[in-house]
Amino acid sequence: MLLIPAIDIKDGQCVRLKQGDMEQATVFSEDPAQMAQHWLEQGARRLHLVDLDGAFAGKPKNKAAILAIVQTVQAYADANKIKAIPVQLGGGIRDLDTIEQYLDGGISFIIVGTAAVKNPGFLQDACGAFPGHIIVGLDAKDGKVATDGWSKLSKHNVIELGKKFEGYGVESIIYTDIGRDGMMGGVNIEATVKLAQSVKIPIIASGGVHDIKDVEALCKVYDEGIEGVICGRSIYEGTLNLKKAQERADKLVGE
């Protein structure tokens, strides 16, 4: 069970939002690369990056900060003589050229969200062009998928889309309950398990993590196909200790 720290980037800074609202941004660091270093030192085995400005603009906006994080990750791996730590990135990625540039720049996985819902053909092309590197992000409220930085709720059902995108060849699905994101009110275990049971590819949970109890609850359903969980506000505000929580997860389900 991977505990994956989120580094959300807005105007070149590391921030956290509440329910995706850009007006409710809390700045946690003016140096996202330094924040990445911190989480690596706390035992992170994967990082989750989001270009928030890109998500709303529909094109990359924080590329310099993102590539600086990749360099930090590579330097950390080299210094500690360990395998490269994967970095996944989402936010405003709408074309194959952008995907190729980021993968060439050292990003391991590209997360396609809004574009997957609005233009499924693009997602299919991306999976074909970059097999093993595409993750789909399904952000939902009451079972319906949201798009455009969560500002619009579509008519699409999460499970139907999950099955469809699995057929395209996506590596995994990040499922976010946007009603809970940034609120630290607990993960929507039931909805996450329901999606995991409907597909064969791994699910990464997201939204609502508050403390170690949430991690333990996810570990109980790990065998349903839940690969990991993205941790945001909880690790920034200290209600969840990343290092101790990862150690606890390892004991419960193994590394």
Protein backbone atom coordinates (compact mmCIF):
# COMPACT_ATOMS: atom_id res chain seq x y z
CA MET A 1 0.00 0.00 0.00
CA LEU A 2 1.66 3.16 -1.23
CA LEU A 3 1.16 6.42 0.64
CA ILE A 4 1.71 9.02 -2.04
CA PRO A 5 2.36 12.64 -0.99
CA ALA A 6 0.61 15.22 -3.15
CA ILE A 7 2.44 18.32 -4.29
CA ASP A 8 -0.11 20.69 -5.81
CA ILE A 9 1.49 23.60 -7.63
CA LYS A 10 -0.14 27.00 -8.08
CA ASP A 11 1.85 30.03 -9.24
CA GLY A 12 5.05 28.06 -8.68
CA GLN A 13 4.19 27.38 -5.03
CA CYS A 14 3.14 24.22 -3.16
CA VAL A 15 -0.47 24.67 -2.02
CA ARG A 16 -3.52 22.70 -0.91
CA LEU A 17 -7.08 23.45 -1.93
CA LYS A 18 -10.40 22.66 -0.28
CA GLN A 19 -12.75 20.76 -2.62
CA GLY A 20 -10.76 21.99 -5.62
CA ASP A 21 -11.58 25.65 -4.96
CA MET A 22 -8.72 27.86 -6.23
CA GLU A 23 -9.95 30.63 -3.94
CA GLN A 24 -9.33 28.39 -0.92
CA ALA A 25 -5.61 27.78 -1.45
CA THR A 26 -3.25 27.41 1.50
CA VAL A 27 0.44 27.92 0.64
CA PHE A 28 2.64 25.33 2.36
CA SER A 29 5.91 26.06 0.58
CA GLU A 30 7.31 28.51 -1.91
CA ASP A 31 9.73 25.82 -3.10
CA PRO A 32 7.94 22.67 -4.37
CA ALA A 33 11.28 20.91 -5.06
CA GLN A 34 12.29 21.39 -1.43
CA MET A 35 8.94 19.96 -0.38
CA ALA A 36 9.57 16.95 -2.62
CA GLN A 37 12.93 16.45 -0.92
CA HIS A 38 11.18 16.52 2.46
CA TRP A 39 8.70 13.79 1.52
CA LEU A 40 11.45 11.65 0.02
CA GLU A 41 13.32 11.87 3.31
CA GLN A 42 10.11 10.80 5.06
CA GLY A 43 10.09 7.60 3.02
CA ALA A 44 7.83 8.44 0.07
CA ARG A 45 8.04 5.80 -2.68
CA ARG A 46 6.09 7.81 -5.22
CA LEU A 47 5.11 11.47 -5.62
CA HIS A 48 1.88 12.90 -6.98
CA LEU A 49 2.18 16.27 -8.72
CA VAL A 50 -0.68 18.46 -9.91
CA ASP A 51 -0.31 21.56 -12.04
CA LEU A 52 -3.36 23.37 -10.66
CA ASP A 53 -3.02 26.36 -12.97
CA GLY A 54 -2.67 23.93 -15.85
CA ALA A 55 -5.83 22.06 -14.83
CA PHE A 56 -7.86 25.26 -15.11
CA ALA A 57 -6.05 26.65 -18.17
CA GLY A 58 -6.06 23.37 -20.10
CA LYS A 59 -2.32 23.57 -20.77
CA PRO A 60 0.88 23.28 -18.69
CA LYS A 61 1.61 26.31 -16.52
CA ASN A 62 4.19 25.18 -13.95
CA LYS A 63 6.62 23.18 -16.05
CA ALA A 64 9.75 24.72 -14.52
CA ALA A 65 8.68 23.81 -10.97
CA ILE A 66 7.71 20.30 -12.08
CA LEU A 67 11.01 19.61 -13.81
CA ALA A 68 12.87 20.97 -10.77
CA ILE A 69 11.07 18.36 -8.67
CA VAL A 70 12.08 15.61 -11.11
CA GLN A 71 15.72 16.69 -10.83
CA THR A 72 15.45 16.65 -7.03
CA VAL A 73 14.00 13.13 -7.11
CA GLN A 74 16.73 11.88 -9.43
CA ALA A 75 19.44 13.47 -7.30
CA TYR A 76 17.97 11.89 -4.16
CA ALA A 77 17.92 8.44 -5.78
CA ASP A 78 21.51 8.84 -6.99
CA ALA A 79 22.75 10.05 -3.60
CA ASN A 80 21.07 7.16 -1.78
CA LYS A 81 21.93 4.58 -4.46
CA ILE A 82 18.33 3.49 -4.85
CA LYS A 83 16.05 2.93 -7.82
CA ALA A 84 14.39 6.01 -9.27
CA ILE A 85 11.25 6.98 -7.36
CA PRO A 86 8.25 7.31 -9.69
CA VAL A 87 6.64 10.71 -10.15
CA GLN A 88 3.10 10.99 -11.49
CA LEU A 89 1.75 14.23 -12.92
CA GLY A 90 -1.63 15.62 -13.82
CA GLY A 91 -3.17 18.97 -14.66
CA GLY A 92 -3.85 20.47 -18.07
CA ILE A 93 -2.36 17.66 -20.16
CA ARG A 94 -4.37 17.62 -23.36
CA ASP A 95 -2.06 16.45 -26.17
CA LEU A 96 0.49 13.75 -27.00
CA ASP A 97 3.35 16.21 -27.44
CA THR A 98 2.99 17.42 -23.85
CA ILE A 99 2.95 13.82 -22.60
CA GLU A 100 6.09 13.02 -24.57
CA GLN A 101 7.90 16.10 -23.27
CA TYR A 102 7.11 15.26 -19.65
CA LEU A 103 8.04 11.58 -20.00
CA ASP A 104 11.31 12.60 -21.67
CA GLY A 105 11.84 15.02 -18.78
CA GLY A 106 11.70 12.20 -16.24
CA ILE A 107 8.03 11.96 -15.24
CA SER A 108 7.02 8.31 -14.83
CA PHE A 109 3.25 8.49 -15.18
CA ILE A 110 0.93 11.01 -16.80
CA ILE A 111 -2.53 11.47 -15.32
CA VAL A 112 -5.26 12.29 -17.81
CA GLY A 113 -8.45 13.60 -16.24
CA THR A 114 -10.73 16.09 -17.96
CA ALA A 115 -9.39 15.21 -21.41
CA ALA A 116 -10.24 11.53 -20.83
CA VAL A 117 -13.89 12.37 -20.21
CA LYS A 118 -14.27 15.02 -22.89
CA ASN A 119 -12.10 13.37 -25.53
CA PRO A 120 -11.85 9.61 -24.96
CA GLY A 121 -10.08 9.22 -28.30
CA PHE A 122 -7.15 11.22 -26.91
CA LEU A 123 -6.86 8.88 -23.92
CA GLN A 124 -6.96 5.87 -26.22
CA ASP A 125 -4.23 7.38 -28.41
CA ALA A 126 -2.12 8.19 -25.34
CA CYS A 127 -2.38 4.61 -24.04
CA GLY A 128 -1.35 3.33 -27.45
CA ALA A 129 1.57 5.73 -27.81
CA PHE A 130 2.86 5.46 -24.24
CA PRO A 131 1.81 2.04 -22.86
CA GLY A 132 2.34 1.62 -19.13
CA HIS A 133 2.67 5.36 -18.53
CA ILE A 134 -0.93 6.60 -18.56
CA ILE A 135 -3.09 6.86 -15.45
CA VAL A 136 -6.65 8.11 -15.66
CA GLY A 137 -7.99 10.42 -12.99
CA LEU A 138 -11.69 10.03 -12.20
CA ASP A 139 -12.88 12.79 -9.91
CA ALA A 140 -16.44 12.27 -8.78
CA LYS A 141 -19.24 13.46 -6.58
CA ASP A 142 -22.21 11.21 -5.84
CA GLY A 143 -20.98 8.75 -8.47
CA LYS A 144 -20.84 11.33 -11.29
CA VAL A 145 -17.53 12.40 -12.85
CA ALA A 146 -16.43 16.05 -12.67
CA THR A 147 -14.24 17.86 -15.18
CA ASP A 148 -12.44 21.18 -15.69
CA GLY A 149 -10.70 21.35 -12.34
CA TRP A 150 -13.87 19.95 -10.72
CA SER A 151 -15.85 23.01 -11.78
CA LYS A 152 -18.29 21.00 -13.93
CA LEU A 153 -20.23 17.85 -13.07
CA SER A 154 -20.83 15.52 -16.02
CA LYS A 155 -23.52 12.89 -16.54
CA HIS A 156 -20.92 10.12 -16.74
CA ASN A 157 -20.98 7.29 -14.21
CA VAL A 158 -17.65 6.49 -12.54
CA ILE A 159 -17.85 2.72 -12.87
CA GLU A 160 -18.92 2.81 -16.52
CA LEU A 161 -16.01 5.09 -17.38
CA GLY A 162 -13.61 3.02 -15.30
CA LYS A 163 -14.46 -0.10 -17.28
CA LYS A 164 -14.26 1.75 -20.58
CA PHE A 165 -10.83 3.25 -19.82
CA GLU A 166 -9.52 -0.08 -18.54
CA GLY A 167 -10.25 -1.39 -22.03
CA TYR A 168 -8.10 1.38 -23.49
CA GLY A 169 -5.10 0.14 -21.52
CA VAL A 170 -4.66 2.68 -18.72
CA GLU A 171 -2.13 1.65 -16.08
CA SER A 172 -4.36 2.50 -13.11
CA ILE A 173 -7.17 4.79 -11.95
CA ILE A 174 -6.95 7.55 -9.37
CA TYR A 175 -10.36 7.89 -7.79
CA THR A 176 -11.08 11.12 -5.95
CA ASP A 177 -14.23 11.89 -4.03
CA ILE A 178 -14.23 15.65 -4.57
CA GLY A 179 -16.77 16.23 -1.83
CA ARG A 180 -14.12 15.07 0.62
CA ASP A 181 -10.91 16.37 -0.92
CA GLY A 182 -9.02 18.75 1.34
CA MET A 183 -11.66 18.35 4.05
CA MET A 184 -9.92 15.53 5.97
CA GLY A 185 -13.27 13.91 6.70
CA GLY A 186 -12.24 10.37 5.84
CA VAL A 187 -11.84 8.44 2.60
CA ASN A 188 -14.96 7.23 0.79
CA ILE A 189 -14.02 3.57 1.25
CA GLU A 190 -17.32 2.18 -0.04
CA ALA A 191 -17.21 4.02 -3.37
CA THR A 192 -13.49 3.29 -3.82
CA VAL A 193 -13.98 -0.45 -3.23
CA LYS A 194 -16.99 -0.50 -5.55
CA LEU A 195 -14.87 0.90 -8.36
CA ALA A 196 -11.95 -1.43 -7.57
CA GLN A 197 -14.25 -4.45 -7.71
CA SER A 198 -15.55 -3.44 -11.14
CA VAL A 199 -12.12 -3.34 -12.85
CA LYS A 200 -8.94 -5.44 -12.86
CA ILE A 201 -6.42 -2.57 -12.89
CA PRO A 202 -5.19 -0.96 -9.65
CA ILE A 203 -7.08 1.87 -7.96
CA ILE A 204 -5.36 4.72 -6.13
CA ALA A 205 -7.62 6.31 -3.53
CA SER A 206 -7.72 10.06 -3.07
CA GLY A 207 -9.64 12.65 -1.09
CA GLY A 208 -10.41 12.92 2.60
CA VAL A 209 -7.44 11.23 4.29
CA HIS A 210 -7.22 12.53 7.86
CA ASP A 211 -5.21 10.19 10.08
CA ILE A 212 -3.80 6.71 10.55
CA LYS A 213 -7.31 5.23 10.89
CA ASP A 214 -7.99 6.08 7.25
CA VAL A 215 -4.79 4.32 6.21
CA GLU A 216 -5.70 1.27 8.30
CA ALA A 217 -9.20 1.20 6.79
CA LEU A 218 -7.73 1.20 3.28
CA CYS A 219 -5.27 -1.54 4.19
CA LYS A 220 -8.24 -3.75 5.11
CA VAL A 221 -9.52 -3.49 1.53
CA TYR A 222 -6.09 -3.59 -0.13
CA ASP A 223 -6.82 -7.01 -1.64
CA GLU A 224 -9.76 -5.55 -3.55
CA GLY A 225 -7.20 -3.89 -5.83
CA ILE A 226 -6.39 -0.65 -4.05
CA GLU A 227 -2.74 0.06 -4.72
CA GLY A 228 -2.26 3.22 -2.73
CA VAL A 229 -3.65 6.47 -1.43
CA ILE A 230 -2.77 10.08 -2.15
CA CYS A 231 -2.12 12.11 0.98
CA GLY A 232 -2.49 15.89 0.95
CA ARG A 233 -3.63 18.24 3.66
CA SER A 234 -3.29 15.58 6.37
CA ILE A 235 0.49 15.26 5.98
CA TYR A 236 0.93 19.01 5.58
CA GLU A 237 -1.05 19.86 8.69
CA GLY A 238 0.38 16.97 10.70
CA THR A 239 -2.71 14.86 11.40
CA LEU A 240 -0.94 12.04 9.56
CA ASN A 241 2.76 11.24 9.92
CA LEU A 242 3.81 9.96 6.49
CA LYS A 243 6.77 7.90 7.67
CA LYS A 244 4.93 6.19 10.53
CA ALA A 245 1.83 5.65 8.39
CA GLN A 246 3.84 3.99 5.60
CA GLU A 247 5.54 1.75 8.15
CA ARG A 248 2.13 0.82 9.57
CA ALA A 249 0.78 0.05 6.10
CA ASP A 250 3.80 -2.15 5.37
CA LYS A 251 3.10 -4.17 8.51
CA LEU A 252 -0.56 -4.60 7.60
CA VAL A 253 -0.27 -5.52 3.92
CA GLY A 254 3.44 -5.82 3.14
CA GLU A 255 5.59 -3.56 1.03
